[in-house]
Structures are given as structure tokens and as C-alpha cells.
């Protein structure tokens, strides 16, 4: 008797860079609990990720993801745990802009969700606390990674606050100017209140 096929839940987040390939990646997690590595099949090509696996509880997980754009399979990493299959997929094209979506299709896919624990807005990448990245990729055993070497060239100490990565084009010092403006706005508000009282 064939096992029932189920789409595993897939969550994702991303980072981007115009200059550093190791900071230009997708973080994809395929939730397939109780699937042993020996009972799973994972194929990664430049534009597709396909996973299938039978769980110890008699469920067959199967999913095929046609990606929005190309990735570099050779520089992508995987980690298979008891709960999920975690992927760090290197985007092929170095670009400041985020992918607008993970998949090629524009239709809503019920099993695909944004991983808000790891997501950082495009224009806030340089302000993201470093521990967000550490938590996001914690628990990966270097020995379990495809190709070995843990997360390869990703240096997590450099992922936060890189110069030139301000997606919104903010220059240094702009934030300071905004802070200086705030008291003036408050003062203007106080003057207005005073004038209203005088009229009253």
C-alpha cells in the first residue's frame, strides 16, 4: 500500500549583497519531522529544489520548488535534522534587491511561509543584530553539511553593519540629523499650543 503524500511546510528568509557572494543567500527550511536521512532524497539544481522522504510515522513528504531565479548549487549547504532539512542556498546573481518571492510562480502556495524569525527587511540588513543570524543558523553540525566545512565562507561576524549595504541609500550622519530635527518639531508644537492659549 502506498503511503499518503504530504507537502511539508516550507519557510524561507533571505539576505542580499552586490559585492559579497557569501552574504547573498536564501535560507530555506523544509519541515519534515521523523524522516531519517537514509529515507530522504534531496536534489538541488540551479533553479529547483526537490525533496522527498518517508517518515517513521508512515507519511511520505514530497515537494518540488521551482525557484524565482538561479542559485549556485556548488556553494549551497544543507543540514538534515530530526525535524527539518535546512538549506542555505547561494543566489547566483549579486544584487542589492531582494527576490520578490521564493518561487517562480506568482500563485499563492499554501505550504510556503515567510520565516519571520530570520527575516530582515532589505533596507535594514546592515542594522540587524548579529545574534539574529547566529540563532537562525544555530544547531547546524559541520559534519552534516553537504560538502563539509560548516557554512563555508559565511562569516557571521561580518553579517551585521557592513558599509555600503544600506539598502535605503542612507548615508552616515543622516540619522543624527533626524535626531537634531526632533526637538525643533517639538518646540514648534509648543509654540503653536501657546498661541492657541493666547487666542483663547
Protein backbone atom coordinates (compact mmCIF):
# COMPACT_ATOMS: atom_id res chain seq x y z
CA UNK A 1 0.00 0.00 0.00
CA UNK A 2 1.41 3.37 -0.98
CA UNK A 3 1.93 5.99 1.69
CA UNK A 4 -0.14 9.20 1.67
CA UNK A 5 1.81 12.08 0.14
CA UNK A 6 2.02 15.32 2.07
CA UNK A 7 3.51 18.71 1.17
CA UNK A 8 5.87 19.61 4.00
CA UNK A 9 5.69 23.17 5.32
CA UNK A 10 8.46 25.29 3.81
CA UNK A 11 9.71 28.50 5.44
CA UNK A 12 12.21 30.95 3.99
CA UNK A 13 14.15 34.17 4.50
CA UNK A 14 16.91 35.88 2.54
CA UNK A 15 19.83 38.29 2.52
CA UNK A 16 21.39 40.16 -0.39
CA UNK A 17 24.68 41.71 -1.39
CA UNK A 18 26.12 43.33 -4.51
CA UNK A 19 29.73 42.59 -3.59
CA UNK A 20 29.94 39.55 -1.31
CA UNK A 21 28.61 36.20 -2.60
CA UNK A 22 28.62 34.66 0.90
CA UNK A 23 26.11 37.31 2.03
CA UNK A 24 23.81 36.78 -0.94
CA UNK A 25 21.71 33.79 0.02
CA UNK A 26 18.33 32.20 0.73
CA UNK A 27 17.58 30.39 3.95
CA UNK A 28 15.03 27.62 3.28
CA UNK A 29 13.70 25.13 5.81
CA UNK A 30 11.67 22.06 4.82
CA UNK A 31 9.71 20.80 7.84
CA UNK A 32 9.82 17.01 7.55
CA UNK A 33 9.82 15.57 11.08
CA UNK A 34 10.90 11.98 11.74
CA UNK A 35 12.40 11.48 8.29
CA UNK A 36 15.75 9.71 8.55
CA UNK A 37 18.49 10.89 6.26
CA UNK A 38 18.68 7.41 4.73
CA UNK A 39 14.97 7.62 3.82
CA UNK A 40 15.20 11.06 2.21
CA UNK A 41 16.11 12.33 -1.22
CA UNK A 42 17.23 15.93 -1.82
CA UNK A 43 18.13 17.34 -5.22
CA UNK A 44 19.35 20.90 -5.73
CA UNK A 45 19.82 22.36 -9.21
CA UNK A 46 20.35 25.94 -10.33
CA UNK A 47 16.62 26.63 -10.42
CA UNK A 48 14.93 23.86 -8.42
CA UNK A 49 14.93 22.16 -5.03
CA UNK A 50 13.19 18.77 -4.79
CA UNK A 51 12.77 16.84 -1.56
CA UNK A 52 11.05 13.58 -0.73
CA UNK A 53 11.22 11.37 2.31
CA UNK A 54 9.27 8.80 4.29
CA UNK A 55 8.73 9.45 7.98
CA UNK A 56 8.80 6.83 10.68
CA UNK A 57 5.11 7.56 11.20
CA UNK A 58 4.14 6.41 7.73
CA UNK A 59 3.91 9.76 5.91
CA UNK A 60 5.65 10.49 2.60
CA UNK A 61 6.73 14.12 2.29
CA UNK A 62 7.27 15.42 -1.20
CA UNK A 63 7.87 18.93 -2.53
CA UNK A 64 9.38 20.49 -5.64
CA UNK A 65 10.30 24.19 -5.55
CA UNK A 66 10.86 25.99 -8.87
CA UNK A 67 12.88 28.99 -7.73
CA UNK A 68 12.32 32.60 -8.78
CA UNK A 69 15.88 32.94 -10.10
CA UNK A 70 19.09 30.92 -10.27
CA UNK A 71 21.17 29.73 -7.35
CA UNK A 72 24.68 28.29 -7.15
CA UNK A 73 24.29 24.65 -6.02
CA UNK A 74 28.05 24.20 -5.54
CA UNK A 75 28.15 26.89 -2.87
CA UNK A 76 24.89 25.89 -1.21
CA UNK A 77 24.77 23.97 2.07
CA UNK A 78 22.34 21.53 3.69
CA UNK A 79 21.70 20.18 7.16
CA UNK A 80 19.29 17.29 7.80
CA UNK A 81 18.00 17.10 11.37
CA UNK A 82 15.24 15.05 13.01
CA UNK A 83 12.76 17.87 12.49
CA UNK A 84 13.66 19.54 9.21
CA UNK A 85 16.02 19.95 6.31
CA UNK A 86 17.77 23.32 6.45
CA UNK A 87 19.22 24.83 3.28
CA UNK A 88 21.49 27.80 2.73
CA UNK A 89 21.17 28.49 -0.99
CA UNK A 90 23.61 30.93 -2.57
CA UNK A 91 21.92 33.28 -5.03
CA UNK A 92 23.78 33.27 -8.33
CA UNK A 93 23.31 36.94 -9.16
CA UNK A 94 24.88 39.51 -6.85
CA UNK A 95 22.17 42.08 -6.32
CA UNK A 96 21.21 44.58 -3.66
CA UNK A 97 17.49 43.98 -4.20
CA UNK A 98 15.76 41.04 -2.57
CA UNK A 99 13.97 38.45 -4.62
CA UNK A 100 10.29 39.49 -4.66
CA UNK A 101 9.35 35.88 -3.82
CA UNK A 102 10.98 32.47 -3.43
CA UNK A 103 9.18 30.69 -6.24
CA UNK A 104 8.79 31.32 -9.94
CA UNK A 105 5.02 31.05 -9.73
CA UNK A 106 3.04 34.13 -8.72
CA UNK A 107 0.24 31.99 -7.28
CA UNK A 108 -0.07 31.68 -3.52
CA UNK A 109 1.33 28.38 -2.28
CA UNK A 110 -0.39 27.15 0.88
CA UNK A 111 2.62 25.31 2.36
CA UNK A 112 5.12 28.17 1.88
CA UNK A 113 5.60 30.75 4.64
CA UNK A 114 8.00 33.56 5.48
CA UNK A 115 10.35 32.72 8.32
CA UNK A 116 9.85 35.87 10.40
CA UNK A 117 12.41 34.72 12.99
CA UNK A 118 15.13 35.06 10.37
CA UNK A 119 13.67 37.69 8.05
CA UNK A 120 15.21 41.16 7.97
CA UNK A 121 13.89 43.89 5.69
CA UNK A 122 16.08 44.71 2.71
CA UNK A 123 16.95 48.23 3.91
CA UNK A 124 17.68 47.06 7.46
CA UNK A 125 20.20 44.33 6.70
CA UNK A 126 23.12 46.43 7.94
CA UNK A 127 21.30 47.21 11.19
CA UNK A 128 20.32 43.62 12.00
CA UNK A 129 21.79 42.34 15.29
CA UNK A 130 24.43 39.71 14.67
CA UNK A 131 22.81 37.26 17.06
CA UNK A 132 19.80 37.06 14.75
CA UNK A 133 22.00 35.34 12.23
CA UNK A 134 23.62 33.13 14.82
CA UNK A 135 20.23 31.96 16.07
CA UNK A 136 19.00 31.47 12.54
CA UNK A 137 21.78 29.12 11.63
CA UNK A 138 22.44 27.61 15.04
CA UNK A 139 22.44 23.87 15.51
CA UNK A 140 23.98 23.05 12.16
CA UNK A 141 26.63 20.41 12.51
CA UNK A 142 29.55 20.92 10.16
CA UNK A 143 29.75 17.17 9.64
CA UNK A 144 26.19 17.09 8.35
CA UNK A 145 26.70 19.80 5.78
CA UNK A 146 26.87 18.92 2.13
CA UNK A 147 30.42 19.45 1.02
CA UNK A 148 31.60 19.75 4.65
CA UNK A 149 33.10 22.85 6.16
CA UNK A 150 30.01 24.02 8.00
CA UNK A 151 28.59 27.10 6.34
CA UNK A 152 31.56 27.54 4.05
CA UNK A 153 32.53 31.14 3.51
CA UNK A 154 29.74 32.72 5.53
CA UNK A 155 31.41 34.76 8.26
CA UNK A 156 28.63 35.58 10.68
CA UNK A 157 30.69 38.19 12.47
CA UNK A 158 30.57 40.28 9.29
CA UNK A 159 26.87 39.92 8.52
CA UNK A 160 25.76 42.89 10.59
CA UNK A 161 26.61 46.51 9.80
CA UNK A 162 28.59 46.24 6.59
CA UNK A 163 29.34 49.58 4.93
CA UNK A 164 27.73 50.02 1.55
CA UNK A 165 24.89 47.64 2.38
CA UNK A 166 22.36 50.30 3.33
CA UNK A 167 19.55 49.24 1.04
CA UNK A 168 17.72 52.51 1.53
CA UNK A 169 20.73 54.59 0.50
CA UNK A 170 21.15 56.24 3.88
CA UNK A 171 24.44 58.00 4.35
CA UNK A 172 26.34 58.16 7.63
CA UNK A 173 25.12 61.03 9.75
CA UNK A 174 21.63 61.19 8.27
CA UNK A 175 20.20 59.58 11.38
CA UNK A 176 21.94 62.20 13.54
CA UNK A 177 20.35 64.99 11.57
CA UNK A 178 16.93 63.46 12.12
CA UNK A 179 17.58 63.35 15.85
CA UNK A 180 18.53 67.02 15.83
CA UNK A 181 15.35 67.92 13.98
CA UNK A 182 13.08 66.30 16.53
CA UNK A 183 13.50 68.93 19.31
CA UNK A 184 12.73 71.69 16.77
CA UNK A 185 9.48 69.97 15.82
CA UNK A 186 8.55 69.66 19.50
CA UNK A 187 9.34 73.34 20.07
CA UNK A 188 7.22 74.31 17.10
CA UNK A 189 4.39 72.29 18.61
CA UNK A 190 4.78 74.06 21.97
CA UNK A 191 4.71 77.49 20.29
CA UNK A 192 1.54 76.53 18.49
CA UNK A 193 -0.07 75.46 21.76
CA UNK A 194 0.96 78.78 23.36
CA UNK A 195 -0.62 80.75 20.50
CA UNK A 196 -3.83 78.76 20.79
CA UNK A 197 -3.99 79.58 24.52
CA UNK A 198 -3.43 83.29 23.78
CA UNK A 199 -6.27 83.33 21.26
CA UNK A 200 -8.50 81.52 23.74
